[in-house]
Amino acid sequence: MAESKSPHDALEVEHQAVFAEKAGVADYKADAIEAENAEHNMTVLEAVKAYPMASFWAFVMSCTIIMESYDVFLIGNFVALPAFRAKYGIYHNEAEGYVIATKWQSALQVSGQLGALIGVFLAGPLTSRIGYRWATLTGLMLLNVFIFAFYFAKSLPVIFVSQLLEGLPWGIFIANAPAYCSEIVPIKLRAPATQMLQMFWAIGSIIVGAVTYSYHERADASAYEIPIALQWMFPTPLAILIFFAPESPWWLVRKGKLEAAARSVERLGRKSTANSGETVAMMRRVIELEKSDKKPNHIELFKGTDLRRTLIVCCVYAAQNLTGNLIANQAVYFFEQAGVSTDTAFALGLITSALQMIFVMLSWILTSYFGRRSIYLWGSAGNTILLVALGIAGSVGVSNAASLAQASLGLIVSVLFTLGPAPASWVIIGETSAIRLRPLTTGIGRATYYIVEIPCIFLASYMLNPTGGNLGGKCGYVWGGTGLICLIAAYFGLPEMKGRSYREIDIMFKRRIPARQWKKTEIDVRDDE
């Protein structure tokens, strides 16, 4: 006969179980504190040495941005390409020759963005379910197929549809890349890892500039067919690399796959310096802070403290279209409308793209040492002043000096944008969202970008096109005004997250600390709420 236990014995067993659970929590919290302190105490160079493969895989994932950049700038350059205008344009006058009708110029510019708008809404649920790797691989394979539609298109409506289809995988890439890059690197590398996205955006525009500059004098279809075909050089090599990439350990911890997360951490860092057990414990601690019985959904983005985080991400994304970015995207066409020759316009477009890449690299240093908020605000203020100056240069009459002034200011605005607001935006986007909701937040943020960009493209095309507003440099007044509004909103709403762990960021949002007080607020390493 089994021996019966007294109520006292049962109570003792229960107390022991509770004690063991608390001890386990204490041990894992102690490991989490050790890992967080280790990341805080690293220098940038120490972080690179400790996590060399994290830097490499962030570099690989950032390469996916080249494809959207390439095509956005390609369409922007096509409207200035003589062979493309002769094939698909309408005759305007003897001076202008053939031009793409304003409605089609705008439609082609927004077609990819419309597809990407759908893609970012697909990206969040898809990534939450299957992970960053498989979601990105799906997008790369789809892109290979959709490039065929663009290459064999023989009319503007078919080009429009092909660009819309290409936009679907772009939406996956642009939603996933900043989130993945910010999750696989330690605190000190979050800024350079996410700012690489802006560098690859510039690289895409450099490749386009070089290709279209090489072919712009051709009068046959090869002038635009070869640049289209060159898109195939990206997806397959990237797919092979990403197949071997580690999944984000944060995503694995969210799914309860702690052993897989530990192996991922070991693949990202040197085993001699990266303590995978402590790092996973740090991730568990943050995931527990954000724990919910519900599956991540878009409705949560607009509730409680997550609403503030969503608004910051959406506003930063929207501001990219309102502080000089559209001049950069249509640089060659802008230079033509400013009064310089087609040959010079393409050369200036290539110079602009090369300078943008250099300035993005400079921004790594500035953002790492001076913070995100400071660089974003000062860069936005500088751009706003220059945009107003561009408007003034466009208002002084038609002359060679005025044309050169407009072209110079357009170039400076496009380049300065990549020193301050643009690269800082990617860091802010990667850091602001809650870990649990990150794929959804970056998706809805990028959707805001496209929702704002699409009408702005129609406005920008109308303002520059000789069959539309024909404003030239006077468009600087419009973008200067919108840039000022964005600057004021950022001053009051954008917090400084430099050097903050995800646990600290979560706590500061939950405590509703005003944006301008974040820099001087201290969070104890033992705090969990």
Protein backbone atom coordinates (compact mmCIF):
# COMPACT_ATOMS: atom_id res chain seq x y z
CA MET A 1 0.00 0.00 0.00
CA ALA A 2 1.36 3.48 -0.94
CA GLU A 3 2.25 5.72 1.94
CA SER A 4 -0.12 8.71 2.21
CA LYS A 5 1.34 12.21 2.55
CA SER A 6 0.26 14.56 5.30
CA PRO A 7 -0.99 18.08 4.46
CA HIS A 8 2.25 19.37 5.96
CA ASP A 9 4.34 17.26 3.53
CA ALA A 10 2.27 18.42 0.54
CA LEU A 11 2.74 22.04 1.58
CA GLU A 12 6.48 21.48 1.93
CA VAL A 13 6.70 20.04 -1.60
CA GLU A 14 4.79 23.06 -2.97
CA HIS A 15 7.11 25.48 -1.17
CA GLN A 16 10.16 23.68 -2.58
CA ALA A 17 8.74 23.87 -6.11
CA VAL A 18 8.08 27.62 -5.75
CA PHE A 19 11.58 28.13 -4.34
CA ALA A 20 13.14 26.19 -7.22
CA GLU A 21 11.18 28.23 -9.76
CA LYS A 22 12.28 31.52 -8.15
CA ALA A 23 15.87 30.32 -8.02
CA GLY A 24 15.72 29.42 -11.72
CA VAL A 25 14.31 32.84 -12.59
CA ALA A 26 16.99 34.48 -10.45
CA ASP A 27 19.74 32.52 -12.23
CA TYR A 28 18.46 33.39 -15.68
CA LYS A 29 18.02 37.05 -14.68
CA ALA A 30 21.57 37.11 -13.31
CA ASP A 31 22.84 35.75 -16.67
CA ALA A 32 20.71 38.33 -18.50
CA ILE A 33 22.25 41.16 -16.43
CA GLU A 34 25.76 39.84 -17.16
CA ALA A 35 25.08 39.76 -20.90
CA GLU A 36 23.55 43.26 -20.95
CA ASN A 37 26.44 44.72 -18.94
CA ALA A 38 28.91 43.05 -21.30
CA GLU A 39 27.23 44.67 -24.33
CA HIS A 40 27.14 48.09 -22.64
CA ASN A 41 30.85 47.87 -21.78
CA MET A 42 31.97 46.95 -25.31
CA THR A 43 33.49 49.53 -27.62
CA VAL A 44 32.52 49.51 -31.30
CA LEU A 45 35.76 47.73 -32.27
CA GLU A 46 35.36 45.17 -29.48
CA ALA A 47 31.81 44.48 -30.67
CA VAL A 48 33.05 43.90 -34.24
CA LYS A 49 35.73 41.50 -32.97
CA ALA A 50 33.28 39.64 -30.71
CA TYR A 51 30.55 39.35 -33.39
CA PRO A 52 32.32 39.31 -36.80
CA MET A 53 29.76 37.07 -38.50
CA ALA A 54 26.87 39.20 -37.22
CA SER A 55 28.40 42.11 -39.13
CA PHE A 56 28.79 39.90 -42.22
CA TRP A 57 25.19 38.62 -42.19
CA ALA A 58 23.84 42.14 -41.60
CA PHE A 59 25.86 43.16 -44.68
CA VAL A 60 24.33 40.31 -46.72
CA MET A 61 20.75 41.09 -45.64
CA SER A 62 21.29 44.79 -46.41
CA CYS A 63 22.17 43.85 -50.00
CA THR A 64 18.49 43.07 -50.63
CA ILE A 65 17.84 46.84 -50.53
CA ILE A 66 19.96 47.27 -53.68
CA MET A 67 17.14 45.77 -55.75
CA GLU A 68 14.46 48.26 -54.73
CA SER A 69 16.92 51.14 -54.99
CA TYR A 70 18.09 49.97 -58.43
CA ASP A 71 14.59 49.85 -59.83
CA VAL A 72 13.35 53.07 -58.21
CA PHE A 73 16.27 55.00 -59.68
CA LEU A 74 16.02 53.09 -62.96
CA ILE A 75 12.45 54.27 -63.57
CA GLY A 76 13.48 57.77 -62.46
CA ASN A 77 16.28 57.73 -65.04
CA PHE A 78 14.13 56.21 -67.79
CA VAL A 79 11.92 59.32 -67.92
CA ALA A 80 15.10 61.27 -68.76
CA LEU A 81 16.47 58.62 -71.19
CA PRO A 82 16.14 59.76 -74.86
CA ALA A 83 15.55 56.24 -76.28
CA PHE A 84 12.86 55.46 -73.67
CA ARG A 85 11.14 58.82 -74.26
CA ALA A 86 11.23 58.30 -78.02
CA LYS A 87 9.61 54.86 -77.64
CA TYR A 88 6.95 55.66 -75.02
CA GLY A 89 6.70 59.46 -74.97
CA ILE A 90 4.73 62.17 -76.73
CA TYR A 91 6.19 65.01 -78.81
CA HIS A 92 6.19 68.23 -76.78
CA ASN A 93 8.14 70.87 -78.73
CA GLU A 94 11.37 71.34 -80.66
CA ALA A 95 13.39 72.20 -77.55
CA GLU A 96 12.13 69.34 -75.36
CA GLY A 97 11.52 66.72 -78.07
CA TYR A 98 9.69 63.66 -76.76
CA VAL A 99 8.63 63.56 -73.10
CA ILE A 100 6.80 60.95 -71.02
CA ALA A 101 3.28 62.24 -70.35
CA THR A 102 2.89 63.53 -66.78
CA LYS A 103 0.25 60.92 -65.86
CA TRP A 104 2.45 58.03 -67.05
CA GLN A 105 5.59 59.50 -65.52
CA SER A 106 3.80 59.58 -62.17
CA ALA A 107 2.20 56.15 -62.70
CA LEU A 108 5.54 54.48 -63.45
CA GLN A 109 7.11 56.11 -60.40
CA VAL A 110 4.37 54.82 -58.07
CA SER A 111 3.81 51.35 -59.60
CA GLY A 112 6.60 49.66 -57.66
CA GLN A 113 5.58 51.50 -54.50
CA LEU A 114 2.01 50.24 -54.82
CA GLY A 115 3.30 46.68 -55.01
CA ALA A 116 5.65 47.27 -52.09
CA LEU A 117 2.75 48.69 -50.07
CA ILE A 118 1.01 45.32 -50.46
CA GLY A 119 4.29 43.51 -49.80
CA VAL A 120 4.95 45.15 -46.43
CA PHE A 121 1.53 44.10 -45.16
CA LEU A 122 2.33 40.53 -46.24
CA ALA A 123 5.82 40.70 -44.70
CA GLY A 124 4.78 41.11 -41.06
CA PRO A 125 2.53 38.03 -40.68
CA LEU A 126 4.76 35.99 -43.01
CA THR A 127 7.95 36.77 -41.06
CA SER A 128 6.26 36.27 -37.69
CA ARG A 129 5.25 32.80 -38.88
CA ILE A 130 8.25 31.46 -40.85
CA GLY A 131 11.14 33.74 -39.83
CA TYR A 132 13.32 36.33 -41.55
CA ARG A 133 15.35 33.84 -43.62
CA TRP A 134 12.50 32.00 -45.31
CA ALA A 135 10.43 35.15 -45.84
CA THR A 136 13.39 36.82 -47.57
CA LEU A 137 14.14 33.73 -49.67
CA THR A 138 10.49 33.67 -50.80
CA GLY A 139 10.77 37.30 -51.91
CA LEU A 140 14.02 36.69 -53.83
CA MET A 141 12.56 33.79 -55.80
CA LEU A 142 9.43 35.79 -56.66
CA LEU A 143 11.56 38.71 -57.85
CA ASN A 144 13.43 36.47 -60.29
CA VAL A 145 10.09 35.63 -61.92
CA PHE A 146 8.69 39.17 -61.97
CA ILE A 147 11.78 40.64 -63.69
CA PHE A 148 10.74 38.62 -66.79
CA ALA A 149 7.51 40.61 -66.98
CA PHE A 150 9.43 43.91 -66.92
CA TYR A 151 12.00 42.81 -69.49
CA PHE A 152 9.45 41.62 -72.05
CA ALA A 153 6.99 44.51 -71.51
CA LYS A 154 6.25 46.41 -74.72
CA SER A 155 3.82 49.08 -73.49
CA LEU A 156 3.50 51.48 -70.57
CA PRO A 157 0.51 49.61 -69.01
CA VAL A 158 2.48 46.33 -68.99
CA ILE A 159 5.53 48.10 -67.52
CA PHE A 160 3.21 49.49 -64.83
CA VAL A 161 1.91 46.00 -63.93
CA SER A 162 5.40 44.44 -63.99
CA GLN A 163 6.67 47.13 -61.62
CA LEU A 164 3.71 46.54 -59.31
CA LEU A 165 4.58 42.82 -59.18
CA GLU A 166 8.26 43.55 -58.51
CA GLY A 167 7.16 45.75 -55.63
CA LEU A 168 5.71 42.76 -53.71
CA PRO A 169 9.11 41.25 -52.80
CA TRP A 170 10.57 44.74 -52.25
CA GLY A 171 8.04 45.17 -49.47
CA ILE A 172 9.31 41.99 -47.80
CA PHE A 173 12.95 43.09 -48.09
CA ILE A 174 12.41 46.63 -46.81
CA ALA A 175 10.32 45.45 -43.84
CA ASN A 176 12.67 42.61 -42.84
CA ALA A 177 16.15 44.05 -43.41
CA PRO A 178 16.20 46.77 -40.69
CA ALA A 179 14.57 44.42 -38.15
CA TYR A 180 16.95 41.52 -38.85
CA CYS A 181 20.06 43.73 -38.85
CA SER A 182 19.14 45.36 -35.52
CA GLU A 183 18.41 41.96 -33.90
CA ILE A 184 21.58 40.04 -34.77
CA VAL A 185 24.18 42.59 -33.59
CA PRO A 186 25.11 43.89 -30.11
CA ILE A 187 24.09 47.38 -28.91
CA LYS A 188 27.20 49.20 -30.17
CA LEU A 189 26.76 47.87 -33.72
CA ARG A 190 23.06 48.62 -34.16
CA ALA A 191 23.73 52.02 -35.75
CA PRO A 192 26.27 50.94 -38.42
CA ALA A 193 24.43 47.65 -39.09
CA THR A 194 21.11 49.35 -39.86
CA GLN A 195 22.72 52.35 -41.60
CA MET A 196 24.22 49.94 -44.13
CA LEU A 197 20.72 49.86 -45.60
CA GLN A 198 21.08 53.47 -46.69
CA MET A 199 24.55 52.72 -48.09
CA PHE A 200 23.15 49.92 -50.24
CA TRP A 201 20.35 52.21 -51.35
CA ALA A 202 23.12 54.53 -52.59
CA ILE A 203 24.98 51.60 -54.20
CA GLY A 204 21.83 50.68 -56.13
CA SER A 205 21.60 54.22 -57.44
CA ILE A 206 25.33 54.22 -58.36
CA ILE A 207 24.91 51.03 -60.42
CA VAL A 208 21.86 52.53 -62.16
CA GLY A 209 23.69 55.81 -62.75
CA ALA A 210 26.70 54.05 -64.25
CA VAL A 211 24.59 51.77 -66.45
CA THR A 212 22.22 54.46 -67.76
CA TYR A 213 25.11 56.90 -68.26
CA SER A 214 26.86 54.23 -70.38
CA TYR A 215 23.77 53.55 -72.52
CA HIS A 216 21.95 56.89 -72.60
CA GLU A 217 23.37 57.87 -76.01
CA ARG A 218 22.05 54.71 -77.69
CA ALA A 219 18.98 55.28 -79.81
CA ASP A 220 17.71 51.68 -79.87
CA ALA A 221 15.84 49.54 -77.30
CA SER A 222 19.09 48.23 -75.76
CA ALA A 223 19.42 51.60 -73.99
CA TYR A 224 16.71 50.49 -71.54
CA GLU A 225 16.54 46.70 -72.04
CA ILE A 226 20.10 46.05 -70.82
CA PRO A 227 19.61 48.01 -67.56
CA ILE A 228 16.39 46.03 -66.96
CA ALA A 229 18.13 42.67 -67.60
CA LEU A 230 20.93 43.54 -65.14
CA GLN A 231 18.41 43.17 -62.30
CA TRP A 232 18.89 39.39 -62.60
CA MET A 233 22.43 39.65 -61.23
CA PHE A 234 21.12 40.18 -57.65
CA PRO A 235 18.43 37.69 -56.50
CA THR A 236 20.02 34.24 -57.04
CA PRO A 237 23.46 34.91 -55.45
CA LEU A 238 21.74 36.59 -52.50
CA ALA A 239 19.31 33.69 -52.11
CA ILE A 240 22.22 31.23 -51.90
CA LEU A 241 23.94 33.32 -49.20
CA ILE A 242 20.77 33.91 -47.17
CA PHE A 243 19.95 30.19 -47.27
CA PHE A 244 23.08 29.66 -45.13
CA ALA A 245 22.44 32.67 -42.86
CA PRO A 246 21.46 32.12 -39.20
CA GLU A 247 17.92 32.98 -38.18
CA SER A 248 17.52 35.93 -35.81
CA PRO A 249 18.02 34.58 -32.25
CA TRP A 250 15.37 37.02 -31.02
CA TRP A 251 12.81 35.46 -33.39
CA LEU A 252 13.83 31.98 -32.19
CA VAL A 253 13.45 32.99 -28.52
CA ARG A 254 10.00 34.42 -29.30
CA LYS A 255 9.12 30.98 -30.68
CA GLY A 256 10.49 29.23 -27.56
CA LYS A 257 13.38 27.63 -29.49
CA LEU A 258 16.07 28.43 -26.91
CA GLU A 259 18.63 25.83 -28.05
CA ALA A 260 18.34 26.98 -31.66
CA ALA A 261 18.71 30.59 -30.47
CA ALA A 262 21.91 29.67 -28.59
CA ARG A 263 23.34 28.02 -31.72
CA SER A 264 22.42 31.13 -33.75
CA VAL A 265 24.25 33.37 -31.25
CA GLU A 266 27.31 31.11 -31.52
CA ARG A 267 27.25 31.41 -35.31
CA LEU A 268 27.04 35.21 -35.06
CA GLY A 269 29.91 35.66 -32.58
CA ARG A 270 33.21 34.12 -31.58
CA LYS A 271 32.65 31.19 -29.21
CA SER A 272 35.58 32.38 -27.08
CA THR A 273 33.97 35.75 -26.36
CA ALA A 274 30.21 35.32 -26.95
CA ASN A 275 28.46 33.54 -24.05
CA SER A 276 25.42 32.16 -25.83
CA GLY A 277 23.67 31.08 -22.61
CA GLU A 278 23.85 34.55 -21.08
CA THR A 279 22.87 36.23 -24.36
CA VAL A 280 19.79 34.02 -24.73
CA ALA A 281 18.93 34.76 -21.07
CA MET A 282 19.05 38.48 -21.88
CA MET A 283 16.69 37.91 -24.80
CA ARG A 284 14.34 35.81 -22.63
CA ARG A 285 14.20 38.64 -20.10
CA VAL A 286 13.05 41.15 -22.72
CA ILE A 287 10.58 38.68 -24.26
CA GLU A 288 9.10 38.06 -20.79
CA LEU A 289 8.66 41.84 -20.32
CA GLU A 290 6.62 41.95 -23.53
CA LYS A 291 4.84 38.62 -22.95
CA SER A 292 1.22 38.36 -24.08
CA ASP A 293 -1.29 35.55 -24.45
CA LYS A 294 -2.32 36.93 -27.84
CA LYS A 295 -0.61 36.29 -31.14
CA PRO A 296 1.03 39.46 -32.54
CA ASN A 297 -1.52 41.42 -34.61
CA HIS A 298 -1.79 44.83 -36.23
CA ILE A 299 -4.44 46.02 -33.74
CA GLU A 300 -1.88 45.87 -30.90
CA LEU A 301 0.28 48.43 -32.72
CA PHE A 302 -2.31 51.09 -31.93
CA LYS A 303 -2.90 50.30 -28.25
CA GLY A 304 -1.20 51.56 -25.07
CA THR A 305 2.49 52.41 -25.22
CA ASP A 306 2.87 50.55 -28.53
CA LEU A 307 0.85 53.33 -30.17
CA ARG A 308 3.63 55.83 -29.37
CA ARG A 309 6.26 53.47 -30.78
CA THR A 310 4.21 52.89 -33.93
CA LEU A 311 3.73 56.63 -34.45
CA ILE A 312 7.48 57.28 -34.16
CA VAL A 313 8.31 54.60 -36.75
CA CYS A 314 5.53 55.77 -39.11
CA CYS A 315 6.47 59.46 -38.81
CA VAL A 316 10.19 58.80 -39.40
CA TYR A 317 9.35 56.73 -42.47
CA ALA A 318 6.90 59.35 -43.79
CA ALA A 319 9.44 62.16 -43.26
CA GLN A 320 11.86 60.49 -45.68
CA ASN A 321 9.59 61.64 -48.50
CA LEU A 322 9.14 65.14 -47.13
CA THR A 323 12.71 66.29 -46.46
CA GLY A 324 14.41 66.07 -49.87
CA ASN A 325 14.31 62.36 -50.69
CA LEU A 326 12.18 62.75 -53.83
CA ILE A 327 14.68 65.18 -55.34
CA ALA A 328 17.35 62.51 -54.77
CA ASN A 329 15.18 59.81 -56.39
CA GLN A 330 14.56 61.96 -59.47
CA ALA A 331 17.99 63.60 -59.49
CA VAL A 332 18.75 63.21 -63.21
CA TYR A 333 15.33 64.47 -64.28
CA PHE A 334 15.59 67.32 -61.77
CA PHE A 335 18.97 68.38 -63.19
CA GLU A 336 17.50 68.36 -66.72
CA GLN A 337 14.59 70.56 -65.63
CA ALA A 338 17.03 72.85 -63.81
CA GLY A 339 18.47 73.66 -67.25
CA VAL A 340 21.60 71.51 -67.67
CA SER A 341 22.22 69.24 -70.68
CA THR A 342 21.17 65.57 -70.71
CA ASP A 343 24.81 64.42 -70.71
CA THR A 344 25.66 66.64 -67.74
CA ALA A 345 22.45 65.61 -65.93
CA PHE A 346 23.39 61.90 -66.08
CA ALA A 347 26.96 62.70 -64.96
CA LEU A 348 25.66 64.76 -62.02
CA GLY A 349 23.26 61.94 -61.10
CA LEU A 350 26.18 59.50 -60.93
CA ILE A 351 28.26 61.96 -58.87
CA THR A 352 25.32 62.44 -56.50
CA SER A 353 24.99 58.70 -55.92
CA ALA A 354 28.74 58.26 -55.30
CA LEU A 355 28.76 61.13 -52.78
CA GLN A 356 25.70 59.67 -51.05
CA MET A 357 27.56 56.41 -50.37
CA ILE A 358 30.54 58.29 -48.91
CA PHE A 359 28.31 60.42 -46.70
CA VAL A 360 26.43 57.36 -45.41
CA MET A 361 29.78 55.97 -44.23
CA LEU A 362 30.50 59.27 -42.45
CA SER A 363 27.09 59.02 -40.79
CA TRP A 364 28.15 55.72 -39.12
CA ILE A 365 30.67 57.67 -37.05
CA LEU A 366 28.35 60.61 -36.34
CA THR A 367 25.38 58.47 -35.28
CA SER A 368 27.49 56.09 -33.17
CA TYR A 369 29.09 58.91 -31.18
CA PHE A 370 26.59 61.79 -31.26
CA GLY A 371 23.32 59.86 -31.19
CA ARG A 372 20.33 59.37 -33.43
CA ARG A 373 18.16 62.30 -32.32
CA SER A 374 20.95 64.91 -32.65
CA ILE A 375 22.01 63.85 -36.14
CA TYR A 376 18.41 63.54 -37.31
CA LEU A 377 17.42 67.00 -36.06
CA TRP A 378 20.52 68.86 -37.29
CA GLY A 379 20.42 67.08 -40.66
CA SER A 380 16.71 67.87 -41.12
CA ALA A 381 17.28 71.51 -40.18
CA GLY A 382 20.11 71.82 -42.72
CA ASN A 383 18.02 70.21 -45.46
CA THR A 384 15.06 72.51 -44.76
CA ILE A 385 17.26 75.63 -45.10
CA LEU A 386 18.81 74.33 -48.34
CA LEU A 387 15.41 73.47 -49.83
CA VAL A 388 14.21 77.04 -49.25
CA ALA A 389 17.47 78.28 -50.84
CA LEU A 390 16.73 76.03 -53.83
CA GLY A 391 13.32 77.66 -54.16
CA ILE A 392 14.93 81.10 -54.12
CA ALA A 393 17.46 80.05 -56.81
CA GLY A 394 14.55 78.86 -58.96
CA SER A 395 12.77 82.22 -58.57
CA VAL A 396 15.47 84.61 -59.77
CA GLY A 397 14.84 84.12 -63.49
CA VAL A 398 16.32 82.02 -66.29
CA SER A 399 20.09 82.27 -66.60
CA ASN A 400 23.15 80.06 -66.68
CA ALA A 401 24.04 81.08 -63.13
CA ALA A 402 20.53 80.28 -61.87
CA SER A 403 20.62 76.84 -63.55
CA LEU A 404 23.99 76.04 -61.99
CA ALA A 405 22.76 77.23 -58.57
CA GLN A 406 19.67 75.01 -58.78
CA ALA A 407 21.70 71.99 -59.94
CA SER A 408 24.27 72.56 -57.16
CA LEU A 409 21.66 72.95 -54.44
CA GLY A 410 19.74 69.91 -55.72
CA LEU A 411 22.95 67.88 -55.50
CA ILE A 412 23.76 69.17 -51.99
CA VAL A 413 20.22 68.45 -50.73
CA SER A 414 20.36 64.91 -52.12
CA VAL A 415 23.76 64.28 -50.54
CA LEU A 416 23.12 65.93 -47.16
CA PHE A 417 19.95 63.86 -46.83
CA THR A 418 22.17 60.75 -46.68
CA LEU A 419 24.41 62.24 -43.98
CA GLY A 420 21.68 63.01 -41.44
CA PRO A 421 17.98 62.13 -41.70
CA ALA A 422 18.15 59.08 -43.99
CA PRO A 423 20.71 56.84 -42.22
CA ALA A 424 19.55 57.93 -38.74
CA SER A 425 16.01 56.91 -39.77
CA TRP A 426 17.03 53.29 -40.27
CA VAL A 427 18.57 53.10 -36.79
CA ILE A 428 15.49 54.66 -35.19
CA ILE A 429 13.18 52.28 -37.09
CA GLY A 430 15.19 49.24 -35.98
CA GLU A 431 15.33 50.28 -32.30
CA THR A 432 11.91 51.77 -31.60
CA SER A 433 9.54 48.83 -32.05
CA ALA A 434 8.87 46.18 -29.41
CA ILE A 435 10.68 42.90 -30.14
CA ARG A 436 7.41 40.95 -30.15
CA LEU A 437 5.76 43.27 -32.67
CA ARG A 438 8.85 44.22 -34.69
CA PRO A 439 7.99 42.55 -38.04
CA LEU A 440 4.51 44.13 -37.90
CA THR A 441 5.78 47.57 -36.82
CA THR A 442 8.43 47.82 -39.53
CA GLY A 443 5.82 46.66 -42.04
CA ILE A 444 3.21 49.26 -41.04
CA GLY A 445 5.95 51.92 -40.91
CA ARG A 446 7.08 51.20 -44.43
CA ALA A 447 3.45 51.12 -45.54
CA THR A 448 3.16 54.68 -44.21
CA TYR A 449 6.23 55.56 -46.28
CA TYR A 450 4.53 54.36 -49.46
CA ILE A 451 1.16 55.92 -48.59
CA VAL A 452 2.89 59.30 -48.24
CA GLU A 453 5.28 58.74 -51.15
CA ILE A 454 2.66 57.88 -53.78
CA PRO A 455 0.82 61.25 -53.75
CA CYS A 456 4.17 63.03 -53.28
CA ILE A 457 5.50 61.37 -56.46
CA PHE A 458 2.49 62.65 -58.41
CA LEU A 459 3.11 66.11 -56.91
CA ALA A 460 6.87 65.99 -57.61
CA SER A 461 6.35 64.81 -61.19
CA TYR A 462 3.72 67.51 -61.79
CA MET A 463 5.97 70.23 -60.33
CA LEU A 464 8.98 69.27 -62.50
CA ASN A 465 7.33 68.16 -65.76
CA PRO A 466 7.23 70.82 -68.53
CA THR A 467 3.69 69.65 -69.37
CA GLY A 468 2.71 70.15 -65.70
CA GLY A 469 3.70 72.85 -63.22
CA ASN A 470 7.20 73.34 -64.73
CA LEU A 471 8.44 74.76 -61.42
CA GLY A 472 12.03 73.53 -61.57
CA GLY A 473 13.94 74.67 -58.46
CA LYS A 474 10.86 76.43 -57.05
CA CYS A 475 9.70 73.02 -55.83
CA GLY A 476 12.17 73.69 -52.98
CA TYR A 477 9.57 75.94 -51.33
CA VAL A 478 7.11 73.02 -51.12
CA TRP A 479 9.61 70.49 -49.74
CA GLY A 480 11.11 73.12 -47.43
CA GLY A 481 7.66 73.67 -45.90
CA THR A 482 6.98 69.97 -45.37
CA GLY A 483 10.53 69.51 -44.07
CA LEU A 484 9.95 72.20 -41.42
CA ILE A 485 6.80 70.42 -40.20
CA CYS A 486 8.75 67.15 -39.89
CA LEU A 487 11.56 68.90 -38.02
CA ILE A 488 9.16 70.36 -35.43
CA ALA A 489 7.43 66.99 -34.95
CA ALA A 490 10.79 65.22 -34.48
CA TYR A 491 11.99 67.81 -31.94
CA PHE A 492 9.03 67.11 -29.66
CA GLY A 493 8.47 63.40 -30.36
CA LEU A 494 11.76 61.65 -31.19
CA PRO A 495 13.66 60.13 -28.20
CA GLU A 496 17.41 59.43 -28.07
CA MET A 497 17.98 55.65 -27.99
CA LYS A 498 21.78 55.63 -28.41
CA GLY A 499 23.40 53.03 -26.13
CA ARG A 500 20.09 51.68 -24.81
CA SER A 501 19.38 47.96 -24.56
CA TYR A 502 15.99 46.71 -25.75
CA ARG A 503 15.04 46.16 -22.09
CA GLU A 504 15.79 49.81 -21.27
CA ILE A 505 13.87 51.02 -24.33
CA ASP A 506 10.84 48.89 -23.32
CA ILE A 507 10.90 50.26 -19.76
CA MET A 508 11.27 53.89 -20.86
CA PHE A 509 8.31 53.63 -23.19
CA LYS A 510 6.23 51.96 -20.46
CA ARG A 511 7.17 54.76 -18.03
CA ARG A 512 6.04 57.30 -20.67
CA ILE A 513 9.24 59.34 -20.37
CA PRO A 514 9.06 62.48 -22.59
CA ALA A 515 11.28 62.34 -25.69
CA ARG A 516 13.59 65.21 -24.65
CA GLN A 517 14.33 63.58 -21.26
CA TRP A 518 15.50 60.18 -22.53
CA LYS A 519 19.16 61.16 -22.78
CA LYS A 520 19.47 62.06 -19.08
CA THR A 521 17.24 59.25 -17.72
CA GLU A 522 18.96 56.36 -15.94
CA ILE A 523 17.51 52.83 -15.83
CA ASP A 524 18.85 50.40 -13.24
CA VAL A 525 20.15 47.15 -14.73
CA ARG A 526 17.96 45.19 -12.26
CA ASP A 527 14.70 46.93 -13.27
CA ASP A 528 12.08 44.88 -15.09
CA GLU A 529 9.25 47.41 -15.18
